[in-house]
Amino acid sequence: MAATRSRKVVELFYDVISPYSWVAFEVLCRYQMRWNIDLQLRPFFIGGVFKETGNKPPGLVAAKYAYVQHDLKRLADFYKIPVKMPPMERLMKRENVNSNRLLTAVNLDCPEHLENLSRELWMRVMSRDQDISQPASLETAATAAGIPSDTTPQLLSRINDDDVKAALKATTNQALSYGAFGAPTILAHVTETPVMLWGSDRFPLLAHILGEQWEGPLTEMAKY
């Protein structure tokens, strides 16, 4: 009998305030069914990454923001993901600390809900231009993600817990230790030294690194 190939770990460091992270998230969620990988979702705080590296979000660079508006329309059509860049004045006012803490709490306490909650938060902020910081907004997102109603209040209360704050900071620092400067940041663990890729357009290269085949956007597996 042929030996079963061990799955290669692929980490996705992301922040739901990042539209390109959503693209990478959906593509990797599709390909975890095709590739021999162990996909690990790692919500982090992009604000901390920008602070440490001196990088700037697209909303602070006028030419970049203008390009992103058109680019996301093309990506939405290609990958069948309902991603849209909110107006800059509202995007820059969006608070994303609580959403990342909630995702961290879910990852710690009930990781089986992490994928759906991440997706629902992106739907709110990057498709419907809705809030992702207030408790009522997060509760609505949790309900839409299928988290039991008797679990949600406990998860929301965890936002201010020290272990959740520490875990989010640790994940952000780990991404920085790998060389992250933005989101999405992808780590492919194929050798002793993980290979870091940045952005949502590196999937053919990621497939090559993993020894897998890139089969395009796999829109038949879209969740929308």
C-alpha atoms as a PDB file:
ATOM      1  CA  MET A   1       0.000   0.000   0.000  1.00  0.00           C
ATOM      2  CA  ALA A   2       1.338   3.429  -0.954  1.00  0.00           C
ATOM      3  CA  ALA A   3       2.241   5.700   1.932  1.00  0.00           C
ATOM      4  CA  THR A   4      -0.172   8.562   2.561  1.00  0.00           C
ATOM      5  CA  ARG A   5       1.390  11.952   1.898  1.00  0.00           C
ATOM      6  CA  SER A   6       1.585  14.108   4.988  1.00  0.00           C
ATOM      7  CA  ARG A   7      -0.356  17.308   4.640  1.00  0.00           C
ATOM      8  CA  LYS A   8       1.641  20.512   4.311  1.00  0.00           C
ATOM      9  CA  VAL A   9       0.682  23.291   6.705  1.00  0.00           C
ATOM     10  CA  VAL A  10      -0.427  26.542   5.075  1.00  0.00           C
ATOM     11  CA  GLU A  11      -1.091  29.485   7.379  1.00  0.00           C
ATOM     12  CA  LEU A  12      -3.197  32.436   6.292  1.00  0.00           C
ATOM     13  CA  PHE A  13      -2.656  35.603   8.327  1.00  0.00           C
ATOM     14  CA  TYR A  14      -5.547  37.963   7.642  1.00  0.00           C
ATOM     15  CA  ASP A  15      -7.598  40.886   8.874  1.00  0.00           C
ATOM     16  CA  VAL A  16     -11.236  41.296   7.870  1.00  0.00           C
ATOM     17  CA  ILE A  17     -10.627  44.987   7.148  1.00  0.00           C
ATOM     18  CA  SER A  18      -8.477  43.817   4.205  1.00  0.00           C
ATOM     19  CA  PRO A  19     -10.417  43.064   0.995  1.00  0.00           C
ATOM     20  CA  TYR A  20      -7.501  41.178  -0.549  1.00  0.00           C
ATOM     21  CA  SER A  21      -7.407  38.958   2.518  1.00  0.00           C
ATOM     22  CA  TRP A  22     -10.979  37.955   1.705  1.00  0.00           C
ATOM     23  CA  VAL A  23      -9.923  36.860  -1.775  1.00  0.00           C
ATOM     24  CA  ALA A  24      -7.035  34.795  -0.414  1.00  0.00           C
ATOM     25  CA  PHE A  25      -9.291  33.328   2.278  1.00  0.00           C
ATOM     26  CA  GLU A  26     -11.936  32.137  -0.177  1.00  0.00           C
ATOM     27  CA  VAL A  27      -9.430  30.696  -2.637  1.00  0.00           C
ATOM     28  CA  LEU A  28      -7.549  28.786   0.056  1.00  0.00           C
ATOM     29  CA  CYS A  29     -10.805  27.529   1.577  1.00  0.00           C
ATOM     30  CA  ARG A  30     -11.692  26.126  -1.850  1.00  0.00           C
ATOM     31  CA  TYR A  31      -8.285  24.598  -2.410  1.00  0.00           C
ATOM     32  CA  GLN A  32      -8.114  22.927   0.984  1.00  0.00           C
ATOM     33  CA  MET A  33     -10.510  20.447  -0.608  1.00  0.00           C
ATOM     34  CA  ARG A  34      -8.198  19.900  -3.597  1.00  0.00           C
ATOM     35  CA  TRP A  35      -4.659  20.221  -2.255  1.00  0.00           C
ATOM     36  CA  ASN A  36      -2.998  18.057   0.356  1.00  0.00           C
ATOM     37  CA  ILE A  37      -2.783  20.891   2.878  1.00  0.00           C
ATOM     38  CA  ASP A  38      -3.682  21.676   6.457  1.00  0.00           C
ATOM     39  CA  LEU A  39      -5.060  25.214   6.186  1.00  0.00           C
ATOM     40  CA  GLN A  40      -4.678  27.187   9.400  1.00  0.00           C
ATOM     41  CA  LEU A  41      -6.601  30.452   9.622  1.00  0.00           C
ATOM     42  CA  ARG A  42      -4.717  33.085  11.612  1.00  0.00           C
ATOM     43  CA  PRO A  43      -6.647  36.317  12.228  1.00  0.00           C
ATOM     44  CA  PHE A  44      -4.264  39.130  13.159  1.00  0.00           C
ATOM     45  CA  PHE A  45      -4.286  42.919  13.568  1.00  0.00           C
ATOM     46  CA  ILE A  46      -3.159  44.662  10.412  1.00  0.00           C
ATOM     47  CA  GLY A  47      -2.904  47.988  12.255  1.00  0.00           C
ATOM     48  CA  GLY A  48      -0.111  46.546  14.371  1.00  0.00           C
ATOM     49  CA  VAL A  49       1.685  45.303  11.269  1.00  0.00           C
ATOM     50  CA  PHE A  50       1.449  48.722   9.613  1.00  0.00           C
ATOM     51  CA  LYS A  51       2.727  50.416  12.768  1.00  0.00           C
ATOM     52  CA  GLU A  52       5.761  48.154  13.046  1.00  0.00           C
ATOM     53  CA  THR A  53       6.689  48.192   9.354  1.00  0.00           C
ATOM     54  CA  GLY A  54       5.722  51.727   8.339  1.00  0.00           C
ATOM     55  CA  ASN A  55       3.436  50.408   5.604  1.00  0.00           C
ATOM     56  CA  LYS A  56       0.229  52.259   4.722  1.00  0.00           C
ATOM     57  CA  PRO A  57      -3.253  50.959   3.838  1.00  0.00           C
ATOM     58  CA  PRO A  58      -4.628  51.661   0.338  1.00  0.00           C
ATOM     59  CA  GLY A  59      -7.070  54.205   1.747  1.00  0.00           C
ATOM     60  CA  LEU A  60      -4.180  56.517   2.639  1.00  0.00           C
ATOM     61  CA  VAL A  61      -2.642  56.478  -0.843  1.00  0.00           C
ATOM     62  CA  ALA A  62      -4.994  58.116  -3.344  1.00  0.00           C
ATOM     63  CA  ALA A  63      -3.603  56.458  -6.479  1.00  0.00           C
ATOM     64  CA  LYS A  64      -3.584  53.039  -4.804  1.00  0.00           C
ATOM     65  CA  TYR A  65      -7.159  53.473  -3.578  1.00  0.00           C
ATOM     66  CA  ALA A  66      -8.335  54.422  -7.085  1.00  0.00           C
ATOM     67  CA  TYR A  67      -6.641  51.336  -8.529  1.00  0.00           C
ATOM     68  CA  VAL A  68      -8.051  49.039  -5.852  1.00  0.00           C
ATOM     69  CA  GLN A  69     -11.607  50.114  -6.702  1.00  0.00           C
ATOM     70  CA  HIS A  70     -11.214  48.745 -10.246  1.00  0.00           C
ATOM     71  CA  ASP A  71      -9.074  45.793  -9.251  1.00  0.00           C
ATOM     72  CA  LEU A  72     -11.597  44.476  -6.743  1.00  0.00           C
ATOM     73  CA  LYS A  73     -14.352  44.571  -9.358  1.00  0.00           C
ATOM     74  CA  ARG A  74     -12.242  42.375 -11.612  1.00  0.00           C
ATOM     75  CA  LEU A  75     -11.377  40.005  -8.764  1.00  0.00           C
ATOM     76  CA  ALA A  76     -15.017  39.809  -7.657  1.00  0.00           C
ATOM     77  CA  ASP A  77     -16.030  38.712 -11.133  1.00  0.00           C
ATOM     78  CA  PHE A  78     -13.118  36.303 -11.595  1.00  0.00           C
ATOM     79  CA  TYR A  79     -13.446  34.543  -8.237  1.00  0.00           C
ATOM     80  CA  LYS A  80     -17.198  35.090  -7.701  1.00  0.00           C
ATOM     81  CA  ILE A  81     -16.686  36.824  -4.370  1.00  0.00           C
ATOM     82  CA  PRO A  82     -18.968  39.822  -3.569  1.00  0.00           C
ATOM     83  CA  VAL A  83     -16.081  42.042  -2.469  1.00  0.00           C
ATOM     84  CA  LYS A  84     -16.400  45.812  -2.853  1.00  0.00           C
ATOM     85  CA  MET A  85     -14.236  48.595  -1.476  1.00  0.00           C
ATOM     86  CA  PRO A  86     -16.302  50.877   0.782  1.00  0.00           C
ATOM     87  CA  PRO A  87     -16.012  54.655   0.328  1.00  0.00           C
ATOM     88  CA  MET A  88     -12.660  55.753   1.700  1.00  0.00           C
ATOM     89  CA  GLU A  89     -14.093  58.149   4.284  1.00  0.00           C
ATOM     90  CA  ARG A  90     -16.101  55.323   5.872  1.00  0.00           C
ATOM     91  CA  LEU A  91     -13.444  52.644   5.475  1.00  0.00           C
ATOM     92  CA  MET A  92     -10.858  54.689   7.335  1.00  0.00           C
ATOM     93  CA  LYS A  93     -13.284  55.099  10.252  1.00  0.00           C
ATOM     94  CA  ARG A  94     -14.015  51.376  10.551  1.00  0.00           C
ATOM     95  CA  GLU A  95     -12.828  49.974  13.865  1.00  0.00           C
ATOM     96  CA  ASN A  96     -11.542  46.416  13.496  1.00  0.00           C
ATOM     97  CA  VAL A  97      -9.954  45.604  16.856  1.00  0.00           C
ATOM     98  CA  ASN A  98     -13.106  44.064  18.336  1.00  0.00           C
ATOM     99  CA  SER A  99     -13.774  41.948  15.266  1.00  0.00           C
ATOM    100  CA  ASN A 100     -10.253  40.543  15.381  1.00  0.00           C
ATOM    101  CA  ARG A 101     -10.544  39.862  19.097  1.00  0.00           C
ATOM    102  CA  LEU A 102     -13.837  38.070  18.513  1.00  0.00           C
ATOM    103  CA  LEU A 103     -12.250  35.942  15.799  1.00  0.00           C
ATOM    104  CA  THR A 104      -9.385  35.191  18.159  1.00  0.00           C
ATOM    105  CA  ALA A 105     -11.808  34.157  20.904  1.00  0.00           C
ATOM    106  CA  VAL A 106     -13.622  31.890  18.456  1.00  0.00           C
ATOM    107  CA  ASN A 107     -10.324  30.392  17.333  1.00  0.00           C
ATOM    108  CA  LEU A 108      -9.458  29.655  20.962  1.00  0.00           C
ATOM    109  CA  ASP A 109     -12.842  28.378  22.141  1.00  0.00           C
ATOM    110  CA  CYS A 110     -14.751  27.018  19.134  1.00  0.00           C
ATOM    111  CA  PRO A 111     -12.510  27.019  16.032  1.00  0.00           C
ATOM    112  CA  GLU A 112     -15.087  25.122  14.009  1.00  0.00           C
ATOM    113  CA  HIS A 113     -16.920  28.461  13.607  1.00  0.00           C
ATOM    114  CA  LEU A 114     -13.895  30.525  12.573  1.00  0.00           C
ATOM    115  CA  GLU A 115     -14.300  30.132   8.819  1.00  0.00           C
ATOM    116  CA  ASN A 116     -17.990  31.056   8.743  1.00  0.00           C
ATOM    117  CA  LEU A 117     -17.615  33.990  11.132  1.00  0.00           C
ATOM    118  CA  SER A 118     -14.673  35.397   9.158  1.00  0.00           C
ATOM    119  CA  ARG A 119     -16.746  35.160   5.992  1.00  0.00           C
ATOM    120  CA  GLU A 120     -19.733  36.875   7.574  1.00  0.00           C
ATOM    121  CA  LEU A 121     -17.617  39.735   8.915  1.00  0.00           C
ATOM    122  CA  TRP A 122     -16.182  40.275   5.430  1.00  0.00           C
ATOM    123  CA  MET A 123     -19.709  40.243   4.028  1.00  0.00           C
ATOM    124  CA  ARG A 124     -20.633  42.996   6.438  1.00  0.00           C
ATOM    125  CA  VAL A 125     -17.669  45.313   5.977  1.00  0.00           C
ATOM    126  CA  MET A 126     -16.522  44.562   2.419  1.00  0.00           C
ATOM    127  CA  SER A 127     -19.795  43.792   0.669  1.00  0.00           C
ATOM    128  CA  ARG A 128     -22.611  45.530   2.560  1.00  0.00           C
ATOM    129  CA  ASP A 129     -20.564  48.404   4.067  1.00  0.00           C
ATOM    130  CA  GLN A 130     -21.765  47.620   7.589  1.00  0.00           C
ATOM    131  CA  ASP A 131     -20.243  47.997  11.027  1.00  0.00           C
ATOM    132  CA  ILE A 132     -18.030  45.254  12.505  1.00  0.00           C
ATOM    133  CA  SER A 133     -17.133  46.820  15.849  1.00  0.00           C
ATOM    134  CA  GLN A 134     -20.254  47.287  17.935  1.00  0.00           C
ATOM    135  CA  PRO A 135     -21.526  44.386  20.078  1.00  0.00           C
ATOM    136  CA  ALA A 136     -24.884  44.289  18.266  1.00  0.00           C
ATOM    137  CA  SER A 137     -23.130  44.080  14.896  1.00  0.00           C
ATOM    138  CA  LEU A 138     -20.835  41.295  16.089  1.00  0.00           C
ATOM    139  CA  GLU A 139     -23.782  39.415  17.579  1.00  0.00           C
ATOM    140  CA  THR A 140     -25.634  39.635  14.259  1.00  0.00           C
ATOM    141  CA  ALA A 141     -22.567  38.358  12.435  1.00  0.00           C
ATOM    142  CA  ALA A 142     -22.172  35.483  14.885  1.00  0.00           C
ATOM    143  CA  THR A 143     -25.799  34.479  14.427  1.00  0.00           C
ATOM    144  CA  ALA A 144     -25.479  34.579  10.637  1.00  0.00           C
ATOM    145  CA  ALA A 145     -22.327  32.445  10.932  1.00  0.00           C
ATOM    146  CA  GLY A 146     -24.274  29.731  12.737  1.00  0.00           C
ATOM    147  CA  ILE A 147     -22.809  30.216  16.213  1.00  0.00           C
ATOM    148  CA  PRO A 148     -25.363  29.024  18.810  1.00  0.00           C
ATOM    149  CA  SER A 149     -27.227  31.860  20.522  1.00  0.00           C
ATOM    150  CA  ASP A 150     -26.268  30.569  23.965  1.00  0.00           C
ATOM    151  CA  THR A 151     -22.564  30.689  23.005  1.00  0.00           C
ATOM    152  CA  THR A 152     -22.430  34.158  21.480  1.00  0.00           C
ATOM    153  CA  PRO A 153     -22.698  36.246  24.700  1.00  0.00           C
ATOM    154  CA  GLN A 154     -19.755  34.377  26.222  1.00  0.00           C
ATOM    155  CA  LEU A 155     -17.669  34.901  23.087  1.00  0.00           C
ATOM    156  CA  LEU A 156     -18.513  38.613  23.019  1.00  0.00           C
ATOM    157  CA  SER A 157     -17.516  38.961  26.660  1.00  0.00           C
ATOM    158  CA  ARG A 158     -14.163  37.382  25.794  1.00  0.00           C
ATOM    159  CA  ILE A 159     -13.233  40.413  23.666  1.00  0.00           C
ATOM    160  CA  ASN A 160     -11.841  42.133  26.747  1.00  0.00           C
ATOM    161  CA  ASP A 161     -10.150  39.083  28.268  1.00  0.00           C
ATOM    162  CA  ASP A 162      -6.397  39.287  28.685  1.00  0.00           C
ATOM    163  CA  ASP A 163      -5.730  35.878  27.109  1.00  0.00           C
ATOM    164  CA  VAL A 164      -7.621  36.866  23.959  1.00  0.00           C
ATOM    165  CA  LYS A 165      -5.738  40.169  23.689  1.00  0.00           C
ATOM    166  CA  ALA A 166      -2.462  38.341  24.252  1.00  0.00           C
ATOM    167  CA  ALA A 167      -3.279  35.688  21.657  1.00  0.00           C
ATOM    168  CA  LEU A 168      -4.111  38.311  19.017  1.00  0.00           C
ATOM    169  CA  LYS A 169      -0.908  40.190  19.775  1.00  0.00           C
ATOM    170  CA  ALA A 170       1.098  36.958  19.632  1.00  0.00           C
ATOM    171  CA  THR A 171      -0.355  36.053  16.224  1.00  0.00           C
ATOM    172  CA  THR A 172       0.412  39.539  14.909  1.00  0.00           C
ATOM    173  CA  ASN A 173       3.956  39.348  16.246  1.00  0.00           C
ATOM    174  CA  GLN A 174       4.421  35.903  14.736  1.00  0.00           C
ATOM    175  CA  ALA A 175       3.420  37.246  11.330  1.00  0.00           C
ATOM    176  CA  LEU A 176       5.899  40.089  11.782  1.00  0.00           C
ATOM    177  CA  SER A 177       8.629  37.598  12.694  1.00  0.00           C
ATOM    178  CA  TYR A 178       8.058  35.898   9.352  1.00  0.00           C
ATOM    179  CA  GLY A 179       8.487  39.243   7.579  1.00  0.00           C
ATOM    180  CA  ALA A 180       4.848  40.273   7.154  1.00  0.00           C
ATOM    181  CA  PHE A 181       4.184  43.852   6.093  1.00  0.00           C
ATOM    182  CA  GLY A 182       0.551  43.595   5.025  1.00  0.00           C
ATOM    183  CA  ALA A 183      -2.371  41.276   4.474  1.00  0.00           C
ATOM    184  CA  PRO A 184      -2.907  38.643   3.339  1.00  0.00           C
ATOM    185  CA  THR A 185       0.305  36.941   4.391  1.00  0.00           C
ATOM    186  CA  ILE A 186       0.590  33.250   3.514  1.00  0.00           C
ATOM    187  CA  LEU A 187       3.097  30.842   5.033  1.00  0.00           C
ATOM    188  CA  ALA A 188       3.806  27.544   3.295  1.00  0.00           C
ATOM    189  CA  HIS A 189       5.575  25.093   5.596  1.00  0.00           C
ATOM    190  CA  VAL A 190       7.414  22.930   3.095  1.00  0.00           C
ATOM    191  CA  THR A 191      10.909  23.055   4.584  1.00  0.00           C
ATOM    192  CA  GLU A 192      12.418  23.942   7.943  1.00  0.00           C
ATOM    193  CA  THR A 193      12.168  27.585   6.905  1.00  0.00           C
ATOM    194  CA  PRO A 194       8.574  28.481   5.900  1.00  0.00           C
ATOM    195  CA  VAL A 195       8.050  30.259   2.593  1.00  0.00           C
ATOM    196  CA  MET A 196       6.223  33.567   2.962  1.00  0.00           C
ATOM    197  CA  LEU A 197       4.021  34.912   0.191  1.00  0.00           C
ATOM    198  CA  TRP A 198       2.137  38.190   0.268  1.00  0.00           C
ATOM    199  CA  GLY A 199      -1.021  39.086  -1.594  1.00  0.00           C
ATOM    200  CA  SER A 200      -3.945  37.357  -3.237  1.00  0.00           C
ATOM    201  CA  ASP A 201      -2.283  36.767  -6.632  1.00  0.00           C
ATOM    202  CA  ARG A 202       0.415  34.240  -5.712  1.00  0.00           C
ATOM    203  CA  PHE A 203      -1.612  31.060  -5.998  1.00  0.00           C
ATOM    204  CA  PRO A 204       0.139  29.542  -9.048  1.00  0.00           C
ATOM    205  CA  LEU A 205       3.431  30.076  -7.236  1.00  0.00           C
ATOM    206  CA  LEU A 206       2.009  28.636  -4.008  1.00  0.00           C
ATOM    207  CA  ALA A 207       0.837  25.568  -5.923  1.00  0.00           C
ATOM    208  CA  HIS A 208       4.328  25.138  -7.356  1.00  0.00           C
ATOM    209  CA  ILE A 209       5.907  25.427  -3.911  1.00  0.00           C
ATOM    210  CA  LEU A 210       3.486  22.845  -2.520  1.00  0.00           C
ATOM    211  CA  GLY A 211       3.884  20.465  -5.464  1.00  0.00           C
ATOM    212  CA  GLU A 212       0.216  20.877  -6.360  1.00  0.00           C
ATOM    213  CA  GLN A 213      -1.741  22.002  -9.419  1.00  0.00           C
ATOM    214  CA  TRP A 214      -3.334  25.424  -9.784  1.00  0.00           C
ATOM    215  CA  GLU A 215      -6.757  24.850 -11.378  1.00  0.00           C
ATOM    216  CA  GLY A 216      -7.996  28.415 -11.525  1.00  0.00           C
ATOM    217  CA  PRO A 217     -10.637  30.119  -9.360  1.00  0.00           C
ATOM    218  CA  LEU A 218     -12.817  27.014  -8.744  1.00  0.00           C
ATOM    219  CA  THR A 219     -15.945  29.177  -8.931  1.00  0.00           C
ATOM    220  CA  GLU A 220     -18.114  26.074  -8.753  1.00  0.00           C
ATOM    221  CA  MET A 221     -17.123  25.944  -5.072  1.00  0.00           C
ATOM    222  CA  ALA A 222     -18.081  29.566  -4.353  1.00  0.00           C
ATOM    223  CA  LYS A 223     -20.137  30.130  -1.202  1.00  0.00           C
ATOM    224  CA  TYR A 224     -22.176  32.986  -2.683  1.00  0.00           C
END
